[in-house]
C-alpha cells in the first residue's frame, strides 16, 4: 500500500498538523473528491473508509507512509489495528516525503521505494512458486 485513504471523513485531528507540509493533497480537496465519489454513502462507512472496518484475518501488509502525507495519521492507526489483530505488517517511512512519494519518479527516494516494492513483489511471487 502507498499511503491509502483509510478514512474519507478526514476527521483525525493530527491531519491538520501535517496538511501544510503535504505538497500533493489538501484536506478540503480530499473531502470534496470523496463526497463526490461516495454519493449517499456515509464517509465513515467501512465500505469506503476501511479504518472503521475489521482487520481480523487481513492479509500480511506492506505500507509506504510519507512523513509529510496528510494520510499518515490514519495510516499509523491502520498499522496499529493490524498489529492488534496480529497481522504481519511492514512499514516503510519516507522522511520528509509527501503523499504517494514512491510514484514520483524524479525523487531519489522514489527510486529507492520503487525498488523495494519491486523486490517485495518478486519475493512474494517466488514464495508462491515454492
N, C-alpha and C. Protein backbone atom coordinates (compact mmCIF):
# COMPACT_ATOMS: atom_id res chain seq x y z
N UNK A 1 0.84 -1.18 0.00
CA UNK A 1 0.00 0.00 0.00
C UNK A 1 0.88 1.25 0.00
N UNK A 2 0.46 2.24 -0.73
CA UNK A 2 1.17 3.51 -0.75
C UNK A 2 0.22 4.56 -0.18
N UNK A 3 0.37 4.82 1.11
CA UNK A 3 -0.47 5.76 1.85
C UNK A 3 -1.90 5.85 1.33
N UNK A 4 -2.66 4.79 1.54
CA UNK A 4 -4.05 4.78 1.06
C UNK A 4 -4.94 5.70 1.89
N UNK A 5 -6.07 6.08 1.31
CA UNK A 5 -7.07 6.83 2.06
C UNK A 5 -7.85 5.80 2.87
N UNK A 6 -7.73 5.88 4.18
CA UNK A 6 -8.35 4.89 5.06
C UNK A 6 -9.57 5.42 5.79
N UNK A 7 -9.70 6.74 5.84
CA UNK A 7 -10.86 7.36 6.49
C UNK A 7 -11.25 8.58 5.67
N UNK A 8 -12.29 8.43 4.89
CA UNK A 8 -12.70 9.51 3.99
C UNK A 8 -13.25 10.73 4.72
N UNK A 9 -13.59 10.59 5.99
CA UNK A 9 -14.10 11.75 6.72
C UNK A 9 -13.00 12.75 7.04
N UNK A 10 -11.75 12.30 7.03
CA UNK A 10 -10.59 13.16 7.30
C UNK A 10 -10.71 13.88 8.65
N UNK A 11 -11.30 13.22 9.64
CA UNK A 11 -11.54 13.86 10.93
C UNK A 11 -10.41 13.70 11.93
N UNK A 12 -9.39 12.95 11.60
CA UNK A 12 -8.27 12.78 12.53
C UNK A 12 -7.61 14.15 12.75
N UNK A 13 -7.58 14.65 14.00
CA UNK A 13 -7.03 15.99 14.26
C UNK A 13 -5.55 16.13 13.90
N UNK A 14 -4.83 15.03 13.85
CA UNK A 14 -3.40 15.10 13.50
C UNK A 14 -3.19 15.48 12.03
N UNK A 15 -4.20 15.29 11.21
CA UNK A 15 -4.10 15.67 9.79
C UNK A 15 -3.85 17.17 9.68
N UNK A 16 -4.50 17.96 10.52
CA UNK A 16 -4.35 19.42 10.46
C UNK A 16 -2.91 19.86 10.70
N UNK A 17 -2.15 19.09 11.49
CA UNK A 17 -0.76 19.45 11.79
C UNK A 17 0.17 19.16 10.61
N UNK A 18 -0.23 18.26 9.74
CA UNK A 18 0.61 17.87 8.61
C UNK A 18 0.21 18.57 7.31
N UNK A 19 -1.02 18.97 7.23
CA UNK A 19 -1.58 19.47 5.96
C UNK A 19 -0.70 20.51 5.26
N UNK A 20 -0.15 21.45 5.97
CA UNK A 20 0.65 22.49 5.34
C UNK A 20 1.96 21.96 4.75
N UNK A 21 2.37 20.77 5.16
CA UNK A 21 3.62 20.17 4.67
C UNK A 21 3.40 19.27 3.45
N UNK A 22 2.15 18.87 3.19
CA UNK A 22 1.86 17.95 2.10
C UNK A 22 1.66 18.74 0.81
N UNK A 23 2.61 18.59 -0.12
CA UNK A 23 2.55 19.34 -1.38
C UNK A 23 1.60 18.71 -2.40
N UNK A 24 1.08 17.53 -2.08
CA UNK A 24 0.23 16.82 -3.02
C UNK A 24 -1.27 16.98 -2.73
N UNK A 25 -1.64 17.00 -1.46
CA UNK A 25 -3.05 16.96 -1.08
C UNK A 25 -3.40 18.05 -0.07
N UNK A 26 -4.68 18.42 -0.10
CA UNK A 26 -5.23 19.28 0.95
C UNK A 26 -6.44 18.56 1.53
N UNK A 27 -6.71 18.82 2.78
CA UNK A 27 -7.85 18.18 3.45
C UNK A 27 -9.15 18.51 2.73
N UNK A 28 -9.37 19.77 2.40
CA UNK A 28 -10.63 20.16 1.74
C UNK A 28 -10.75 19.52 0.36
N UNK A 29 -9.65 19.42 -0.36
CA UNK A 29 -9.68 18.78 -1.68
C UNK A 29 -10.03 17.31 -1.59
N UNK A 30 -9.44 16.63 -0.61
CA UNK A 30 -9.72 15.20 -0.43
C UNK A 30 -11.19 15.00 -0.04
N UNK A 31 -11.67 15.80 0.90
CA UNK A 31 -13.07 15.66 1.33
C UNK A 31 -14.02 15.92 0.17
N UNK A 32 -13.74 16.95 -0.62
CA UNK A 32 -14.59 17.28 -1.76
C UNK A 32 -14.64 16.11 -2.76
N UNK A 33 -13.48 15.57 -3.08
CA UNK A 33 -13.42 14.44 -4.02
C UNK A 33 -14.13 13.22 -3.46
N UNK A 34 -13.94 12.97 -2.19
CA UNK A 34 -14.54 11.80 -1.57
C UNK A 34 -16.06 11.90 -1.51
N UNK A 35 -16.55 13.11 -1.23
CA UNK A 35 -18.01 13.29 -1.20
C UNK A 35 -18.60 13.04 -2.58
N UNK A 36 -17.90 13.47 -3.63
CA UNK A 36 -18.37 13.22 -5.00
C UNK A 36 -18.42 11.72 -5.27
N UNK A 37 -17.38 11.02 -4.87
CA UNK A 37 -17.29 9.58 -5.14
C UNK A 37 -18.23 8.76 -4.25
N UNK A 38 -18.42 9.21 -3.02
CA UNK A 38 -19.21 8.43 -2.06
C UNK A 38 -20.71 8.49 -2.34
N UNK A 39 -21.15 9.56 -2.96
CA UNK A 39 -22.59 9.69 -3.18
C UNK A 39 -23.34 9.72 -1.86
N UNK A 40 -24.27 8.82 -1.68
CA UNK A 40 -25.08 8.77 -0.47
C UNK A 40 -24.45 7.96 0.66
N UNK A 41 -23.31 7.35 0.41
CA UNK A 41 -22.64 6.53 1.42
C UNK A 41 -21.99 7.44 2.46
N UNK A 42 -22.25 7.15 3.73
CA UNK A 42 -21.65 7.91 4.84
C UNK A 42 -20.13 7.79 4.75
N UNK A 43 -19.42 8.92 4.92
CA UNK A 43 -17.96 8.93 4.80
C UNK A 43 -17.26 8.03 5.81
N UNK A 44 -17.92 7.71 6.93
CA UNK A 44 -17.32 6.82 7.92
C UNK A 44 -17.76 5.37 7.74
N UNK A 45 -18.43 5.06 6.66
CA UNK A 45 -18.81 3.68 6.38
C UNK A 45 -17.55 2.87 6.06
N UNK A 46 -17.47 1.69 6.62
CA UNK A 46 -16.29 0.85 6.36
C UNK A 46 -16.19 0.43 4.90
N UNK A 47 -17.27 0.60 4.15
CA UNK A 47 -17.24 0.28 2.72
C UNK A 47 -16.26 1.20 1.99
N UNK A 48 -16.20 2.45 2.41
CA UNK A 48 -15.30 3.40 1.75
C UNK A 48 -14.22 3.96 2.69
N UNK A 49 -14.35 3.69 3.96
CA UNK A 49 -13.35 4.10 4.96
C UNK A 49 -12.94 2.87 5.75
N UNK A 50 -12.01 2.10 5.21
CA UNK A 50 -11.66 0.82 5.84
C UNK A 50 -11.20 0.92 7.29
N UNK A 51 -10.75 2.08 7.73
CA UNK A 51 -10.30 2.23 9.11
C UNK A 51 -11.40 1.87 10.10
N UNK A 52 -12.67 1.96 9.68
CA UNK A 52 -13.79 1.65 10.56
C UNK A 52 -14.25 0.19 10.44
N UNK A 53 -13.55 -0.59 9.64
CA UNK A 53 -13.91 -1.98 9.46
C UNK A 53 -13.07 -2.91 10.32
N UNK A 54 -13.22 -4.18 10.08
CA UNK A 54 -12.48 -5.21 10.82
C UNK A 54 -11.24 -5.62 10.02
N UNK A 55 -10.18 -5.89 10.74
CA UNK A 55 -8.95 -6.36 10.10
C UNK A 55 -8.61 -7.78 10.54
N UNK A 56 -9.57 -8.45 11.14
CA UNK A 56 -9.38 -9.85 11.53
C UNK A 56 -9.13 -10.66 10.26
N UNK A 57 -8.11 -11.49 10.28
CA UNK A 57 -7.72 -12.34 9.14
C UNK A 57 -7.30 -11.55 7.90
N UNK A 58 -6.88 -10.31 8.09
CA UNK A 58 -6.40 -9.49 6.99
C UNK A 58 -5.09 -10.08 6.47
N UNK A 59 -4.77 -9.78 5.25
CA UNK A 59 -3.54 -10.30 4.64
C UNK A 59 -2.30 -9.57 5.19
N UNK A 60 -1.14 -10.25 5.23
CA UNK A 60 0.08 -9.53 5.61
C UNK A 60 0.25 -8.31 4.70
N UNK A 61 0.72 -7.23 5.27
CA UNK A 61 0.67 -5.94 4.58
C UNK A 61 2.01 -5.22 4.62
N UNK A 62 2.34 -4.59 3.49
CA UNK A 62 3.46 -3.66 3.38
C UNK A 62 2.86 -2.30 3.10
N UNK A 63 3.30 -1.29 3.83
CA UNK A 63 2.73 0.04 3.63
C UNK A 63 3.84 1.09 3.61
N UNK A 64 3.76 1.98 2.64
CA UNK A 64 4.70 3.07 2.48
C UNK A 64 4.00 4.35 2.95
N UNK A 65 4.60 5.03 3.93
CA UNK A 65 3.99 6.20 4.54
C UNK A 65 4.97 7.38 4.46
N UNK A 66 4.53 8.47 3.85
CA UNK A 66 5.35 9.68 3.79
C UNK A 66 5.21 10.50 5.07
N UNK A 67 6.31 11.03 5.54
CA UNK A 67 6.30 11.84 6.77
C UNK A 67 5.39 13.06 6.64
N UNK A 68 5.33 13.65 5.45
CA UNK A 68 4.53 14.86 5.24
C UNK A 68 3.25 14.58 4.45
N UNK A 69 2.71 13.41 4.61
CA UNK A 69 1.49 12.99 3.91
C UNK A 69 0.31 13.15 4.86
N UNK A 70 -0.74 13.86 4.41
CA UNK A 70 -1.90 14.03 5.30
C UNK A 70 -2.60 12.71 5.60
N UNK A 71 -2.27 11.67 4.87
CA UNK A 71 -2.83 10.34 5.15
C UNK A 71 -2.04 9.60 6.24
N UNK A 72 -0.90 10.15 6.63
CA UNK A 72 -0.02 9.48 7.60
C UNK A 72 -0.72 9.16 8.92
N UNK A 73 -1.45 10.10 9.55
CA UNK A 73 -2.06 9.77 10.84
C UNK A 73 -3.01 8.57 10.76
N UNK A 74 -3.81 8.50 9.71
CA UNK A 74 -4.72 7.36 9.56
C UNK A 74 -3.97 6.09 9.20
N UNK A 75 -2.89 6.22 8.43
CA UNK A 75 -2.08 5.05 8.09
C UNK A 75 -1.45 4.46 9.36
N UNK A 76 -1.04 5.33 10.27
CA UNK A 76 -0.46 4.84 11.53
C UNK A 76 -1.52 4.15 12.38
N UNK A 77 -2.75 4.66 12.38
CA UNK A 77 -3.84 3.98 13.09
C UNK A 77 -4.11 2.61 12.47
N UNK A 78 -4.08 2.55 11.16
CA UNK A 78 -4.27 1.29 10.42
C UNK A 78 -3.21 0.27 10.84
N UNK A 79 -1.95 0.70 10.88
CA UNK A 79 -0.86 -0.19 11.29
C UNK A 79 -1.10 -0.72 12.70
N UNK A 80 -1.54 0.14 13.61
CA UNK A 80 -1.82 -0.29 14.97
C UNK A 80 -2.96 -1.30 15.01
N UNK A 81 -3.98 -1.09 14.20
CA UNK A 81 -5.10 -2.04 14.16
C UNK A 81 -4.65 -3.39 13.61
N UNK A 82 -3.78 -3.38 12.62
CA UNK A 82 -3.25 -4.64 12.09
C UNK A 82 -2.45 -5.37 13.17
N UNK A 83 -1.61 -4.63 13.86
CA UNK A 83 -0.79 -5.24 14.92
C UNK A 83 -1.67 -5.83 16.03
N UNK A 84 -2.75 -5.12 16.37
CA UNK A 84 -3.66 -5.60 17.40
C UNK A 84 -4.29 -6.93 17.00
N UNK A 85 -4.50 -7.12 15.70
CA UNK A 85 -5.06 -8.39 15.19
C UNK A 85 -3.96 -9.40 14.87
N UNK A 86 -2.73 -9.08 15.23
CA UNK A 86 -1.52 -9.89 14.96
C UNK A 86 -1.33 -10.18 13.48
N UNK A 87 -1.64 -9.19 12.65
CA UNK A 87 -1.41 -9.30 11.21
C UNK A 87 0.01 -8.81 10.93
N UNK A 88 0.82 -9.59 10.21
CA UNK A 88 2.16 -9.11 9.88
C UNK A 88 2.08 -7.83 9.04
N UNK A 89 2.81 -6.81 9.47
CA UNK A 89 2.81 -5.54 8.76
C UNK A 89 4.23 -4.97 8.76
N UNK A 90 4.65 -4.51 7.58
CA UNK A 90 5.96 -3.87 7.44
C UNK A 90 5.71 -2.44 6.98
N UNK A 91 6.32 -1.50 7.69
CA UNK A 91 6.13 -0.09 7.39
C UNK A 91 7.42 0.48 6.80
N UNK A 92 7.28 1.19 5.69
CA UNK A 92 8.39 1.87 5.04
C UNK A 92 8.09 3.37 5.13
N UNK A 93 8.94 4.09 5.86
CA UNK A 93 8.70 5.52 6.09
C UNK A 93 9.57 6.37 5.18
N UNK A 94 8.93 7.36 4.58
CA UNK A 94 9.65 8.30 3.72
C UNK A 94 9.89 9.59 4.48
N UNK A 95 11.09 9.78 4.96
CA UNK A 95 11.42 11.00 5.71
C UNK A 95 11.25 12.23 4.81
N UNK A 96 10.42 13.17 5.26
CA UNK A 96 10.18 14.39 4.51
C UNK A 96 9.36 14.22 3.25
N UNK A 97 8.81 13.03 3.03
CA UNK A 97 8.11 12.74 1.78
C UNK A 97 6.61 13.07 1.85
N UNK A 98 6.05 13.48 0.68
CA UNK A 98 4.61 13.79 0.59
C UNK A 98 3.81 12.53 0.24
N UNK A 99 2.53 12.74 0.02
CA UNK A 99 1.63 11.67 -0.41
C UNK A 99 2.16 11.02 -1.69
N UNK A 100 2.05 9.71 -1.78
CA UNK A 100 2.45 8.85 -2.91
C UNK A 100 3.88 9.08 -3.40
N UNK A 101 4.79 9.40 -2.52
CA UNK A 101 6.16 9.68 -2.94
C UNK A 101 6.80 8.56 -3.76
N UNK A 102 6.50 7.28 -3.52
CA UNK A 102 7.14 6.26 -4.35
C UNK A 102 6.78 6.36 -5.84
N UNK A 103 5.73 7.08 -6.15
CA UNK A 103 5.29 7.20 -7.55
C UNK A 103 5.76 8.50 -8.20
N UNK A 104 6.64 9.23 -7.53
CA UNK A 104 7.17 10.49 -8.07
C UNK A 104 8.59 10.23 -8.59
N UNK A 105 8.73 9.88 -9.87
CA UNK A 105 9.99 9.34 -10.41
C UNK A 105 11.20 10.26 -10.37
N UNK A 106 11.01 11.54 -10.14
CA UNK A 106 12.16 12.44 -10.10
C UNK A 106 12.88 12.42 -8.76
N UNK A 107 12.24 11.86 -7.75
CA UNK A 107 12.84 11.80 -6.42
C UNK A 107 13.74 10.58 -6.26
N UNK A 108 14.92 10.79 -5.72
CA UNK A 108 15.81 9.67 -5.42
C UNK A 108 15.11 8.69 -4.48
N UNK A 109 14.39 9.23 -3.50
CA UNK A 109 13.67 8.39 -2.53
C UNK A 109 12.62 7.53 -3.22
N UNK A 110 12.02 8.06 -4.28
CA UNK A 110 11.03 7.29 -5.03
C UNK A 110 11.67 6.10 -5.72
N UNK A 111 12.83 6.31 -6.28
CA UNK A 111 13.53 5.21 -6.95
C UNK A 111 13.87 4.10 -5.96
N UNK A 112 14.27 4.49 -4.77
CA UNK A 112 14.58 3.51 -3.73
C UNK A 112 13.31 2.76 -3.33
N UNK A 113 12.23 3.51 -3.11
CA UNK A 113 10.97 2.89 -2.70
C UNK A 113 10.44 1.96 -3.80
N UNK A 114 10.51 2.39 -5.05
CA UNK A 114 10.05 1.53 -6.15
C UNK A 114 10.86 0.25 -6.24
N UNK A 115 12.15 0.34 -5.96
CA UNK A 115 12.99 -0.86 -5.95
C UNK A 115 12.53 -1.78 -4.81
N UNK A 116 12.21 -1.21 -3.66
CA UNK A 116 11.72 -2.01 -2.53
C UNK A 116 10.39 -2.69 -2.90
N UNK A 117 9.51 -1.95 -3.53
CA UNK A 117 8.22 -2.51 -3.94
C UNK A 117 8.43 -3.64 -4.94
N UNK A 118 9.30 -3.42 -5.91
CA UNK A 118 9.60 -4.46 -6.91
C UNK A 118 10.17 -5.70 -6.23
N UNK A 119 11.08 -5.50 -5.30
CA UNK A 119 11.68 -6.63 -4.58
C UNK A 119 10.63 -7.40 -3.77
N UNK A 120 9.70 -6.67 -3.14
CA UNK A 120 8.64 -7.31 -2.37
C UNK A 120 7.72 -8.15 -3.27
N UNK A 121 7.38 -7.60 -4.42
CA UNK A 121 6.52 -8.33 -5.37
C UNK A 121 7.24 -9.55 -5.88
N UNK A 122 8.50 -9.39 -6.24
CA UNK A 122 9.28 -10.52 -6.76
C UNK A 122 9.41 -11.62 -5.70
N UNK A 123 9.72 -11.23 -4.46
CA UNK A 123 9.87 -12.21 -3.38
C UNK A 123 8.55 -12.93 -3.14
N UNK A 124 7.46 -12.20 -3.18
CA UNK A 124 6.13 -12.81 -2.99
C UNK A 124 5.84 -13.81 -4.10
N UNK A 125 6.17 -13.45 -5.32
CA UNK A 125 5.96 -14.34 -6.47
C UNK A 125 6.81 -15.59 -6.34
N UNK A 126 8.06 -15.44 -5.92
CA UNK A 126 8.96 -16.58 -5.75
C UNK A 126 8.46 -17.52 -4.67
N UNK A 127 7.93 -16.95 -3.56
CA UNK A 127 7.40 -17.77 -2.47
C UNK A 127 6.20 -18.59 -2.92
N UNK A 128 5.38 -18.03 -3.79
CA UNK A 128 4.20 -18.74 -4.28
C UNK A 128 4.59 -19.88 -5.20
N UNK A 129 5.73 -19.76 -5.89
CA UNK A 129 6.20 -20.83 -6.78
C UNK A 129 6.73 -22.02 -5.99
N UNK A 130 7.25 -21.74 -4.77
CA UNK A 130 7.88 -22.82 -3.98
C UNK A 130 6.88 -23.79 -3.43
